[in-house]
Amino acid sequence: MNASLEDLCRQEFVGLDATDPQYAVDVVDRVLGLGRRMGASDVHLQP
């Protein structure tokens, strides 16, 4: 994957604090928003 696209995606999650009780809520909101803006057909969360 080209770095510019990866950097664009990573910027979406800058500033999130994993110790914040709202972390999971904020991550999911941003994941879904990122998927819509990028025109993704699918979003994978792979453990």
All heavy atoms as atom14 arrays in JSON, in Angstrom:
{
  "sequence": "MNASLEDLCRQEFVGLDATDPQYAVDVVDRVLGLGRRMGASDVHLQP",
  "atom14_mask": [
    [1, 1, 1, 1, 1, 1, 1, 1, 0, 0, 0, 0, 0, 0],
    [1, 1, 1, 1, 1, 1, 1, 1, 0, 0, 0, 0, 0, 0],
    [1, 1, 1, 1, 1, 0, 0, 0, 0, 0, 0, 0, 0, 0],
    [1, 1, 1, 1, 1, 1, 0, 0, 0, 0, 0, 0, 0, 0],
    [1, 1, 1, 1, 1, 1, 1, 1, 0, 0, 0, 0, 0, 0],
    [1, 1, 1, 1, 1, 1, 1, 1, 1, 0, 0, 0, 0, 0],
    [1, 1, 1, 1, 1, 1, 1, 1, 0, 0, 0, 0, 0, 0],
    [1, 1, 1, 1, 1, 1, 1, 1, 0, 0, 0, 0, 0, 0],
    [1, 1, 1, 1, 1, 1, 0, 0, 0, 0, 0, 0, 0, 0],
    [1, 1, 1, 1, 1, 1, 1, 1, 1, 1, 1, 0, 0, 0],
    [1, 1, 1, 1, 1, 1, 1, 1, 1, 0, 0, 0, 0, 0],
    [1, 1, 1, 1, 1, 1, 1, 1, 1, 0, 0, 0, 0, 0],
    [1, 1, 1, 1, 1, 1, 1, 1, 1, 1, 1, 0, 0, 0],
    [1, 1, 1, 1, 1, 1, 1, 0, 0, 0, 0, 0, 0, 0],
    [1, 1, 1, 1, 0, 0, 0, 0, 0, 0, 0, 0, 0, 0],
    [1, 1, 1, 1, 1, 1, 1, 1, 0, 0, 0, 0, 0, 0],
    [1, 1, 1, 1, 1, 1, 1, 1, 0, 0, 0, 0, 0, 0],
    [1, 1, 1, 1, 1, 0, 0, 0, 0, 0, 0, 0, 0, 0],
    [1, 1, 1, 1, 1, 1, 1, 0, 0, 0, 0, 0, 0, 0],
    [1, 1, 1, 1, 1, 1, 1, 1, 0, 0, 0, 0, 0, 0],
    [1, 1, 1, 1, 1, 1, 1, 0, 0, 0, 0, 0, 0, 0],
    [1, 1, 1, 1, 1, 1, 1, 1, 1, 0, 0, 0, 0, 0],
    [1, 1, 1, 1, 1, 1, 1, 1, 1, 1, 1, 1, 0, 0],
    [1, 1, 1, 1, 1, 0, 0, 0, 0, 0, 0, 0, 0, 0],
    [1, 1, 1, 1, 1, 1, 1, 0, 0, 0, 0, 0, 0, 0],
    [1, 1, 1, 1, 1, 1, 1, 1, 0, 0, 0, 0, 0, 0],
    [1, 1, 1, 1, 1, 1, 1, 0, 0, 0, 0, 0, 0, 0],
    [1, 1, 1, 1, 1, 1, 1, 0, 0, 0, 0, 0, 0, 0],
    [1, 1, 1, 1, 1, 1, 1, 1, 0, 0, 0, 0, 0, 0],
    [1, 1, 1, 1, 1, 1, 1, 1, 1, 1, 1, 0, 0, 0],
    [1, 1, 1, 1, 1, 1, 1, 0, 0, 0, 0, 0, 0, 0],
    [1, 1, 1, 1, 1, 1, 1, 1, 0, 0, 0, 0, 0, 0],
    [1, 1, 1, 1, 0, 0, 0, 0, 0, 0, 0, 0, 0, 0],
    [1, 1, 1, 1, 1, 1, 1, 1, 0, 0, 0, 0, 0, 0],
    [1, 1, 1, 1, 0, 0, 0, 0, 0, 0, 0, 0, 0, 0],
    [1, 1, 1, 1, 1, 1, 1, 1, 1, 1, 1, 0, 0, 0],
    [1, 1, 1, 1, 1, 1, 1, 1, 1, 1, 1, 0, 0, 0],
    [1, 1, 1, 1, 1, 1, 1, 1, 0, 0, 0, 0, 0, 0],
    [1, 1, 1, 1, 0, 0, 0, 0, 0, 0, 0, 0, 0, 0],
    [1, 1, 1, 1, 1, 0, 0, 0, 0, 0, 0, 0, 0, 0],
    [1, 1, 1, 1, 1, 1, 0, 0, 0, 0, 0, 0, 0, 0],
    [1, 1, 1, 1, 1, 1, 1, 1, 0, 0, 0, 0, 0, 0],
    [1, 1, 1, 1, 1, 1, 1, 0, 0, 0, 0, 0, 0, 0],
    [1, 1, 1, 1, 1, 1, 1, 1, 1, 1, 0, 0, 0, 0],
    [1, 1, 1, 1, 1, 1, 1, 1, 0, 0, 0, 0, 0, 0],
    [1, 1, 1, 1, 1, 1, 1, 1, 1, 0, 0, 0, 0, 0],
    [1, 1, 1, 1, 1, 1, 1, 0, 0, 0, 0, 0, 0, 0]
  ],
  "atom14_positions": [
    [[0.85, -1.2, 0.0], [0.0, 0.0, 0.0], [0.87, 1.24, 0.0], [1.86, 1.32, 0.71], [-0.89, -0.03, 1.24], [-1.7, 1.22, 1.48], [-2.64, 1.1, 3.0], [-3.3, 2.73, 3.07], [0.0, 0.0, 0.0], [0.0, 0.0, 0.0], [0.0, 0.0, 0.0], [0.0, 0.0, 0.0], [0.0, 0.0, 0.0], [0.0, 0.0, 0.0]],
    [[0.5, 2.24, -0.77], [1.27, 3.46, -0.82], [1.19, 4.19, 0.51], [0.15, 4.28, 1.14], [0.72, 4.35, -1.94], [1.6, 5.54, -2.17], [1.55, 6.51, -1.44], [2.42, 5.47, -3.21], [0.0, 0.0, 0.0], [0.0, 0.0, 0.0], [0.0, 0.0, 0.0], [0.0, 0.0, 0.0], [0.0, 0.0, 0.0], [0.0, 0.0, 0.0]],
    [[2.33, 4.75, 0.96], [2.4, 5.36, 2.29], [1.42, 6.5, 2.47], [0.92, 6.73, 3.55], [3.82, 5.83, 2.55], [0.0, 0.0, 0.0], [0.0, 0.0, 0.0], [0.0, 0.0, 0.0], [0.0, 0.0, 0.0], [0.0, 0.0, 0.0], [0.0, 0.0, 0.0], [0.0, 0.0, 0.0], [0.0, 0.0, 0.0], [0.0, 0.0, 0.0]],
    [[1.14, 7.26, 1.41], [0.27, 8.41, 1.55], [-1.13, 8.03, 1.98], [-1.75, 8.71, 2.79], [0.22, 9.2, 0.24], [-0.3, 8.4, -0.81], [0.0, 0.0, 0.0], [0.0, 0.0, 0.0], [0.0, 0.0, 0.0], [0.0, 0.0, 0.0], [0.0, 0.0, 0.0], [0.0, 0.0, 0.0], [0.0, 0.0, 0.0], [0.0, 0.0, 0.0]],
    [[-1.63, 6.93, 1.46], [-2.95, 6.47, 1.86], [-2.92, 5.94, 3.3], [-3.83, 6.2, 4.09], [-3.44, 5.38, 0.9], [-4.84, 4.81, 1.15], [-5.87, 5.94, 1.2], [-5.21, 3.81, 0.07], [0.0, 0.0, 0.0], [0.0, 0.0, 0.0], [0.0, 0.0, 0.0], [0.0, 0.0, 0.0], [0.0, 0.0, 0.0], [0.0, 0.0, 0.0]],
    [[-1.87, 5.23, 3.65], [-1.74, 4.72, 5.01], [-1.62, 5.87, 6.0], [-2.24, 5.85, 7.07], [-0.53, 3.8, 5.11], [-0.41, 3.11, 6.46], [0.69, 2.07, 6.48], [1.34, 1.89, 5.44], [0.89, 1.45, 7.53], [0.0, 0.0, 0.0], [0.0, 0.0, 0.0], [0.0, 0.0, 0.0], [0.0, 0.0, 0.0], [0.0, 0.0, 0.0]],
    [[-0.84, 6.88, 5.64], [-0.69, 8.04, 6.53], [-2.02, 8.75, 6.72], [-2.36, 9.19, 7.82], [0.34, 9.02, 5.96], [1.76, 8.47, 6.04], [1.97, 7.51, 6.81], [2.64, 9.0, 5.33], [0.0, 0.0, 0.0], [0.0, 0.0, 0.0], [0.0, 0.0, 0.0], [0.0, 0.0, 0.0], [0.0, 0.0, 0.0], [0.0, 0.0, 0.0]],
    [[-2.79, 8.85, 5.63], [-4.1, 9.51, 5.7], [-5.01, 8.79, 6.68], [-5.73, 9.41, 7.46], [-4.73, 9.55, 4.31], [-6.08, 10.25, 4.19], [-5.96, 11.72, 4.54], [-6.64, 10.09, 2.78], [0.0, 0.0, 0.0], [0.0, 0.0, 0.0], [0.0, 0.0, 0.0], [0.0, 0.0, 0.0], [0.0, 0.0, 0.0], [0.0, 0.0, 0.0]],
    [[-4.97, 7.46, 6.65], [-5.8, 6.67, 7.55], [-5.33, 6.81, 9.0], [-6.14, 6.95, 9.92], [-5.77, 5.2, 7.14], [-6.55, 4.87, 5.54], [0.0, 0.0, 0.0], [0.0, 0.0, 0.0], [0.0, 0.0, 0.0], [0.0, 0.0, 0.0], [0.0, 0.0, 0.0], [0.0, 0.0, 0.0], [0.0, 0.0, 0.0], [0.0, 0.0, 0.0]],
    [[-4.02, 6.78, 9.2], [-3.49, 6.87, 10.56], [-3.8, 8.2, 11.21], [-4.02, 8.28, 12.43], [-1.98, 6.63, 10.54], [-1.61, 5.16, 10.35], [-0.1, 4.98, 10.31], [0.26, 3.57, 10.28], [1.48, 3.12, 10.07], [2.48, 3.98, 9.88], [1.73, 1.82, 10.06], [0.0, 0.0, 0.0], [0.0, 0.0, 0.0], [0.0, 0.0, 0.0]],
    [[-3.83, 9.25, 10.41], [-4.11, 10.57, 10.96], [-5.5, 10.63, 11.6], [-5.74, 11.45, 12.49], [-4.0, 11.63, 9.86], [-2.58, 11.9, 9.39], [-2.52, 12.78, 8.17], [-3.54, 13.36, 7.77], [-1.35, 12.88, 7.56], [0.0, 0.0, 0.0], [0.0, 0.0, 0.0], [0.0, 0.0, 0.0], [0.0, 0.0, 0.0], [0.0, 0.0, 0.0]],
    [[-6.39, 9.77, 11.15], [-7.75, 9.75, 11.68], [-7.77, 9.42, 13.17], [-8.68, 9.82, 13.89], [-8.58, 8.74, 10.89], [-10.05, 8.7, 11.26], [-10.8, 9.93, 10.77], [-10.29, 10.6, 9.85], [-11.88, 10.2, 11.31], [0.0, 0.0, 0.0], [0.0, 0.0, 0.0], [0.0, 0.0, 0.0], [0.0, 0.0, 0.0], [0.0, 0.0, 0.0]],
    [[-6.75, 8.69, 13.63], [-6.77, 8.2, 15.02], [-5.73, 8.88, 15.9], [-5.52, 8.47, 17.04], [-6.56, 6.68, 15.01], [-7.54, 5.96, 14.13], [-7.21, 5.59, 12.84], [-8.82, 5.69, 14.59], [-8.12, 4.95, 12.02], [-9.74, 5.05, 13.78], [-9.4, 4.67, 12.49], [0.0, 0.0, 0.0], [0.0, 0.0, 0.0], [0.0, 0.0, 0.0]],
    [[-5.1, 9.92, 15.36], [-4.14, 10.68, 16.16], [-4.87, 11.36, 17.31], [-5.94, 11.95, 17.15], [-3.41, 11.72, 15.29], [-2.58, 12.66, 16.16], [-2.53, 11.03, 14.27], [0.0, 0.0, 0.0], [0.0, 0.0, 0.0], [0.0, 0.0, 0.0], [0.0, 0.0, 0.0], [0.0, 0.0, 0.0], [0.0, 0.0, 0.0], [0.0, 0.0, 0.0]],
    [[-4.28, 11.28, 18.51], [-4.86, 11.96, 19.67], [-5.76, 11.09, 20.52], [-6.16, 11.51, 21.62], [0.0, 0.0, 0.0], [0.0, 0.0, 0.0], [0.0, 0.0, 0.0], [0.0, 0.0, 0.0], [0.0, 0.0, 0.0], [0.0, 0.0, 0.0], [0.0, 0.0, 0.0], [0.0, 0.0, 0.0], [0.0, 0.0, 0.0], [0.0, 0.0, 0.0]],
    [[-6.08, 9.89, 20.06], [-6.91, 9.01, 20.88], [-6.07, 8.38, 21.99], [-4.93, 7.98, 21.78], [-7.53, 7.91, 20.03], [-8.61, 8.35, 19.02], [-9.17, 7.14, 18.29], [-9.73, 9.1, 19.71], [0.0, 0.0, 0.0], [0.0, 0.0, 0.0], [0.0, 0.0, 0.0], [0.0, 0.0, 0.0], [0.0, 0.0, 0.0], [0.0, 0.0, 0.0]],
    [[-6.64, 8.31, 23.17], [-5.95, 7.79, 24.35], [-6.59, 6.46, 24.75], [-7.78, 6.41, 25.08], [-6.05, 8.8, 25.5], [-5.32, 8.34, 26.76], [-4.72, 7.24, 26.74], [-5.37, 9.08, 27.76], [0.0, 0.0, 0.0], [0.0, 0.0, 0.0], [0.0, 0.0, 0.0], [0.0, 0.0, 0.0], [0.0, 0.0, 0.0], [0.0, 0.0, 0.0]],
    [[-5.79, 5.38, 24.71], [-6.33, 4.04, 25.01], [-6.81, 3.91, 26.44], [-7.55, 2.98, 26.77], [-5.28, 2.98, 24.7], [0.0, 0.0, 0.0], [0.0, 0.0, 0.0], [0.0, 0.0, 0.0], [0.0, 0.0, 0.0], [0.0, 0.0, 0.0], [0.0, 0.0, 0.0], [0.0, 0.0, 0.0], [0.0, 0.0, 0.0], [0.0, 0.0, 0.0]],
    [[-6.38, 4.84, 27.33], [-6.83, 4.78, 28.73], [-8.15, 5.51, 28.95], [-8.74, 5.43, 30.02], [-5.76, 5.38, 29.66], [-5.6, 6.77, 29.35], [-4.43, 4.65, 29.49], [0.0, 0.0, 0.0], [0.0, 0.0, 0.0], [0.0, 0.0, 0.0], [0.0, 0.0, 0.0], [0.0, 0.0, 0.0], [0.0, 0.0, 0.0], [0.0, 0.0, 0.0]],
    [[-8.6, 6.22, 27.95], [-9.87, 6.96, 28.04], [-11.03, 5.97, 27.99], [-11.08, 5.09, 27.13], [-9.96, 7.93, 26.86], [-11.17, 8.87, 26.97], [-12.17, 8.49, 27.61], [-11.1, 9.97, 26.4], [0.0, 0.0, 0.0], [0.0, 0.0, 0.0], [0.0, 0.0, 0.0], [0.0, 0.0, 0.0], [0.0, 0.0, 0.0], [0.0, 0.0, 0.0]],
    [[-12.0, 6.06, 28.91], [-13.15, 5.14, 28.9], [-13.94, 5.18, 27.59], [-14.63, 4.23, 27.24], [-14.01, 5.65, 30.07], [-13.05, 6.36, 30.97], [-12.03, 6.98, 30.06], [0.0, 0.0, 0.0], [0.0, 0.0, 0.0], [0.0, 0.0, 0.0], [0.0, 0.0, 0.0], [0.0, 0.0, 0.0], [0.0, 0.0, 0.0], [0.0, 0.0, 0.0]],
    [[-13.82, 6.3, 26.87], [-14.55, 6.45, 25.59], [-13.73, 5.99, 24.4], [-14.15, 6.18, 23.26], [-14.94, 7.92, 25.39], [-16.09, 8.38, 26.27], [-17.4, 7.74, 25.84], [-17.93, 6.88, 26.56], [-17.92, 8.12, 24.69], [0.0, 0.0, 0.0], [0.0, 0.0, 0.0], [0.0, 0.0, 0.0], [0.0, 0.0, 0.0], [0.0, 0.0, 0.0]],
    [[-12.58, 5.38, 24.65], [-11.67, 5.03, 23.56], [-12.35, 4.14, 22.51], [-12.29, 4.43, 21.31], [-10.44, 4.32, 24.12], [-9.45, 3.87, 23.06], [-8.56, 4.77, 22.48], [-9.41, 2.54, 22.64], [-7.66, 4.37, 21.51], [-8.51, 2.12, 21.66], [-7.64, 3.04, 21.1], [-6.75, 2.64, 20.13], [0.0, 0.0, 0.0], [0.0, 0.0, 0.0]],
    [[-13.0, 3.06, 22.92], [-13.61, 2.13, 21.97], [-14.72, 2.81, 21.17], [-14.86, 2.59, 19.96], [-14.15, 0.91, 22.69], [0.0, 0.0, 0.0], [0.0, 0.0, 0.0], [0.0, 0.0, 0.0], [0.0, 0.0, 0.0], [0.0, 0.0, 0.0], [0.0, 0.0, 0.0], [0.0, 0.0, 0.0], [0.0, 0.0, 0.0], [0.0, 0.0, 0.0]],
    [[-15.49, 3.66, 21.86], [-16.57, 4.38, 21.17], [-15.98, 5.3, 20.1], [-16.46, 5.35, 18.95], [-17.4, 5.19, 22.18], [-18.42, 6.07, 21.45], [-18.12, 4.25, 23.15], [0.0, 0.0, 0.0], [0.0, 0.0, 0.0], [0.0, 0.0, 0.0], [0.0, 0.0, 0.0], [0.0, 0.0, 0.0], [0.0, 0.0, 0.0], [0.0, 0.0, 0.0]],
    [[-14.94, 6.05, 20.48], [-14.32, 6.97, 19.52], [-13.68, 6.22, 18.36], [-13.77, 6.66, 17.2], [-13.27, 7.82, 20.24], [-13.88, 8.79, 21.24], [-15.08, 9.08, 21.11], [-13.15, 9.24, 22.15], [0.0, 0.0, 0.0], [0.0, 0.0, 0.0], [0.0, 0.0, 0.0], [0.0, 0.0, 0.0], [0.0, 0.0, 0.0], [0.0, 0.0, 0.0]],
    [[-13.02, 5.1, 18.64], [-12.38, 4.32, 17.57], [-13.42, 3.84, 16.57], [-13.24, 3.98, 15.35], [-11.6, 3.12, 18.16], [-11.27, 2.11, 17.06], [-10.31, 3.6, 18.8], [0.0, 0.0, 0.0], [0.0, 0.0, 0.0], [0.0, 0.0, 0.0], [0.0, 0.0, 0.0], [0.0, 0.0, 0.0], [0.0, 0.0, 0.0], [0.0, 0.0, 0.0]],
    [[-14.5, 3.27, 17.05], [-15.52, 2.74, 16.15], [-16.15, 3.86, 15.33], [-16.36, 3.72, 14.11], [-16.59, 1.96, 16.94], [-17.79, 1.63, 16.04], [-16.0, 0.68, 17.51], [0.0, 0.0, 0.0], [0.0, 0.0, 0.0], [0.0, 0.0, 0.0], [0.0, 0.0, 0.0], [0.0, 0.0, 0.0], [0.0, 0.0, 0.0], [0.0, 0.0, 0.0]],
    [[-16.44, 4.99, 15.97], [-17.01, 6.11, 15.23], [-16.08, 6.55, 14.1], [-16.5, 6.82, 12.97], [-17.29, 7.29, 16.16], [-18.49, 7.05, 17.07], [-19.24, 6.09, 16.79], [-18.65, 7.8, 18.05], [0.0, 0.0, 0.0], [0.0, 0.0, 0.0], [0.0, 0.0, 0.0], [0.0, 0.0, 0.0], [0.0, 0.0, 0.0], [0.0, 0.0, 0.0]],
    [[-14.79, 6.62, 14.41], [-13.82, 7.07, 13.41], [-13.57, 6.01, 12.34], [-13.35, 6.34, 11.17], [-12.52, 7.48, 14.1], [-12.68, 8.66, 15.04], [-11.35, 9.22, 15.49], [-11.52, 10.23, 16.52], [-10.58, 11.08, 16.92], [-9.38, 11.02, 16.34], [-10.8, 11.95, 17.87], [0.0, 0.0, 0.0], [0.0, 0.0, 0.0], [0.0, 0.0, 0.0]],
    [[-13.6, 4.75, 12.73], [-13.44, 3.67, 11.74], [-14.57, 3.72, 10.73], [-14.35, 3.65, 9.51], [-13.38, 2.3, 12.45], [-13.61, 1.18, 11.43], [-12.05, 2.1, 13.14], [0.0, 0.0, 0.0], [0.0, 0.0, 0.0], [0.0, 0.0, 0.0], [0.0, 0.0, 0.0], [0.0, 0.0, 0.0], [0.0, 0.0, 0.0], [0.0, 0.0, 0.0]],
    [[-15.81, 3.84, 11.21], [-16.95, 3.87, 10.31], [-16.94, 5.13, 9.45], [-17.25, 5.09, 8.26], [-18.25, 3.77, 11.1], [-18.45, 2.49, 11.92], [-19.79, 2.51, 12.66], [-18.35, 1.25, 11.04], [0.0, 0.0, 0.0], [0.0, 0.0, 0.0], [0.0, 0.0, 0.0], [0.0, 0.0, 0.0], [0.0, 0.0, 0.0], [0.0, 0.0, 0.0]],
    [[-16.57, 6.26, 10.06], [-16.49, 7.49, 9.29], [-15.4, 7.44, 8.23], [-15.58, 7.89, 7.09], [0.0, 0.0, 0.0], [0.0, 0.0, 0.0], [0.0, 0.0, 0.0], [0.0, 0.0, 0.0], [0.0, 0.0, 0.0], [0.0, 0.0, 0.0], [0.0, 0.0, 0.0], [0.0, 0.0, 0.0], [0.0, 0.0, 0.0], [0.0, 0.0, 0.0]],
    [[-14.25, 6.85, 8.58], [-13.15, 6.71, 7.63], [-13.55, 5.82, 6.46], [-13.27, 6.13, 5.3], [-11.93, 6.12, 8.34], [-10.69, 5.86, 7.49], [-10.12, 7.18, 6.97], [-9.65, 5.1, 8.29], [0.0, 0.0, 0.0], [0.0, 0.0, 0.0], [0.0, 0.0, 0.0], [0.0, 0.0, 0.0], [0.0, 0.0, 0.0], [0.0, 0.0, 0.0]],
    [[-14.22, 4.71, 6.78], [-14.66, 3.81, 5.73], [-15.59, 4.49, 4.74], [-15.46, 4.31, 3.52], [0.0, 0.0, 0.0], [0.0, 0.0, 0.0], [0.0, 0.0, 0.0], [0.0, 0.0, 0.0], [0.0, 0.0, 0.0], [0.0, 0.0, 0.0], [0.0, 0.0, 0.0], [0.0, 0.0, 0.0], [0.0, 0.0, 0.0], [0.0, 0.0, 0.0]],
    [[-16.5, 5.3, 5.23], [-17.43, 6.01, 4.35], [-16.7, 7.03, 3.49], [-16.93, 7.12, 2.29], [-18.53, 6.68, 5.18], [-19.53, 5.73, 5.82], [-20.77, 6.47, 6.28], [-20.47, 7.35, 7.4], [-20.6, 7.03, 8.68], [-21.0, 5.81, 9.0], [-20.34, 7.88, 9.64], [0.0, 0.0, 0.0], [0.0, 0.0, 0.0], [0.0, 0.0, 0.0]],
    [[-15.81, 7.81, 4.11], [-15.12, 8.86, 3.36], [-14.18, 8.29, 2.32], [-14.0, 8.88, 1.24], [-14.35, 9.77, 4.32], [-15.23, 10.7, 5.13], [-14.41, 11.82, 5.75], [-13.29, 11.3, 6.54], [-13.38, 10.87, 7.79], [-14.55, 10.86, 8.4], [-12.31, 10.44, 8.43], [0.0, 0.0, 0.0], [0.0, 0.0, 0.0], [0.0, 0.0, 0.0]],
    [[-13.55, 7.17, 2.62], [-12.6, 6.57, 1.69], [-13.29, 5.74, 0.61], [-12.63, 5.21, -0.28], [-11.61, 5.69, 2.44], [-10.76, 6.43, 3.46], [-9.68, 7.67, 2.71], [-8.53, 6.64, 1.84], [0.0, 0.0, 0.0], [0.0, 0.0, 0.0], [0.0, 0.0, 0.0], [0.0, 0.0, 0.0], [0.0, 0.0, 0.0], [0.0, 0.0, 0.0]],
    [[-14.62, 5.61, 0.69], [-15.35, 4.83, -0.3], [-15.1, 3.34, -0.17], [-15.17, 2.61, -1.17], [0.0, 0.0, 0.0], [0.0, 0.0, 0.0], [0.0, 0.0, 0.0], [0.0, 0.0, 0.0], [0.0, 0.0, 0.0], [0.0, 0.0, 0.0], [0.0, 0.0, 0.0], [0.0, 0.0, 0.0], [0.0, 0.0, 0.0], [0.0, 0.0, 0.0]],
    [[-14.81, 2.87, 1.04], [-14.54, 1.45, 1.26], [-15.83, 0.64, 1.14], [-16.9, 1.1, 1.55], [-13.9, 1.23, 2.63], [0.0, 0.0, 0.0], [0.0, 0.0, 0.0], [0.0, 0.0, 0.0], [0.0, 0.0, 0.0], [0.0, 0.0, 0.0], [0.0, 0.0, 0.0], [0.0, 0.0, 0.0], [0.0, 0.0, 0.0], [0.0, 0.0, 0.0]],
    [[-15.71, -0.55, 0.6], [-16.85, -1.46, 0.58], [-16.89, -2.3, 1.85], [-17.97, -2.73, 2.29], [-16.79, -2.38, -0.64], [-15.62, -3.17, -0.62], [0.0, 0.0, 0.0], [0.0, 0.0, 0.0], [0.0, 0.0, 0.0], [0.0, 0.0, 0.0], [0.0, 0.0, 0.0], [0.0, 0.0, 0.0], [0.0, 0.0, 0.0], [0.0, 0.0, 0.0]],
    [[-15.71, -2.54, 2.45], [-15.62, -3.34, 3.66], [-14.53, -2.78, 4.57], [-13.51, -2.25, 4.1], [-15.27, -4.8, 3.35], [-16.27, -5.46, 2.42], [-16.13, -5.33, 1.2], [-17.2, -6.1, 2.94], [0.0, 0.0, 0.0], [0.0, 0.0, 0.0], [0.0, 0.0, 0.0], [0.0, 0.0, 0.0], [0.0, 0.0, 0.0], [0.0, 0.0, 0.0]],
    [[-14.75, -2.91, 5.86], [-13.74, -2.6, 6.87], [-13.48, -3.87, 7.66], [-14.41, -4.53, 8.13], [-14.22, -1.48, 7.82], [-13.32, -1.4, 9.04], [-14.24, -0.15, 7.1], [0.0, 0.0, 0.0], [0.0, 0.0, 0.0], [0.0, 0.0, 0.0], [0.0, 0.0, 0.0], [0.0, 0.0, 0.0], [0.0, 0.0, 0.0], [0.0, 0.0, 0.0]],
    [[-12.2, -4.26, 7.77], [-11.81, -5.46, 8.5], [-11.11, -5.07, 9.79], [-10.16, -4.26, 9.76], [-10.85, -6.32, 7.68], [-11.46, -6.91, 6.45], [-10.92, -8.01, 5.82], [-12.56, -6.57, 5.73], [-11.67, -8.31, 4.76], [-12.65, -7.44, 4.69], [0.0, 0.0, 0.0], [0.0, 0.0, 0.0], [0.0, 0.0, 0.0], [0.0, 0.0, 0.0]],
    [[-11.54, -5.62, 10.91], [-10.84, -5.49, 12.18], [-10.29, -6.87, 12.52], [-11.04, -7.77, 12.92], [-11.78, -4.97, 13.26], [-12.15, -3.48, 13.11], [-13.37, -3.14, 13.95], [-10.98, -2.58, 13.5], [0.0, 0.0, 0.0], [0.0, 0.0, 0.0], [0.0, 0.0, 0.0], [0.0, 0.0, 0.0], [0.0, 0.0, 0.0], [0.0, 0.0, 0.0]],
    [[-8.98, -7.03, 12.31], [-8.34, -8.34, 12.36], [-7.5, -8.48, 13.63], [-6.48, -7.82, 13.79], [-7.44, -8.52, 11.13], [-6.53, -9.72, 11.16], [-7.28, -11.01, 10.87], [-8.25, -11.01, 10.11], [-6.84, -12.09, 11.47], [0.0, 0.0, 0.0], [0.0, 0.0, 0.0], [0.0, 0.0, 0.0], [0.0, 0.0, 0.0], [0.0, 0.0, 0.0]],
    [[-7.91, -9.36, 14.58], [-7.09, -9.57, 15.79], [-5.83, -10.37, 15.46], [-5.89, -11.38, 14.77], [-8.03, -10.36, 16.7], [-8.98, -11.06, 15.78], [-9.14, -10.17, 14.57], [0.0, 0.0, 0.0], [0.0, 0.0, 0.0], [0.0, 0.0, 0.0], [0.0, 0.0, 0.0], [0.0, 0.0, 0.0], [0.0, 0.0, 0.0], [0.0, 0.0, 0.0]]
  ]
}
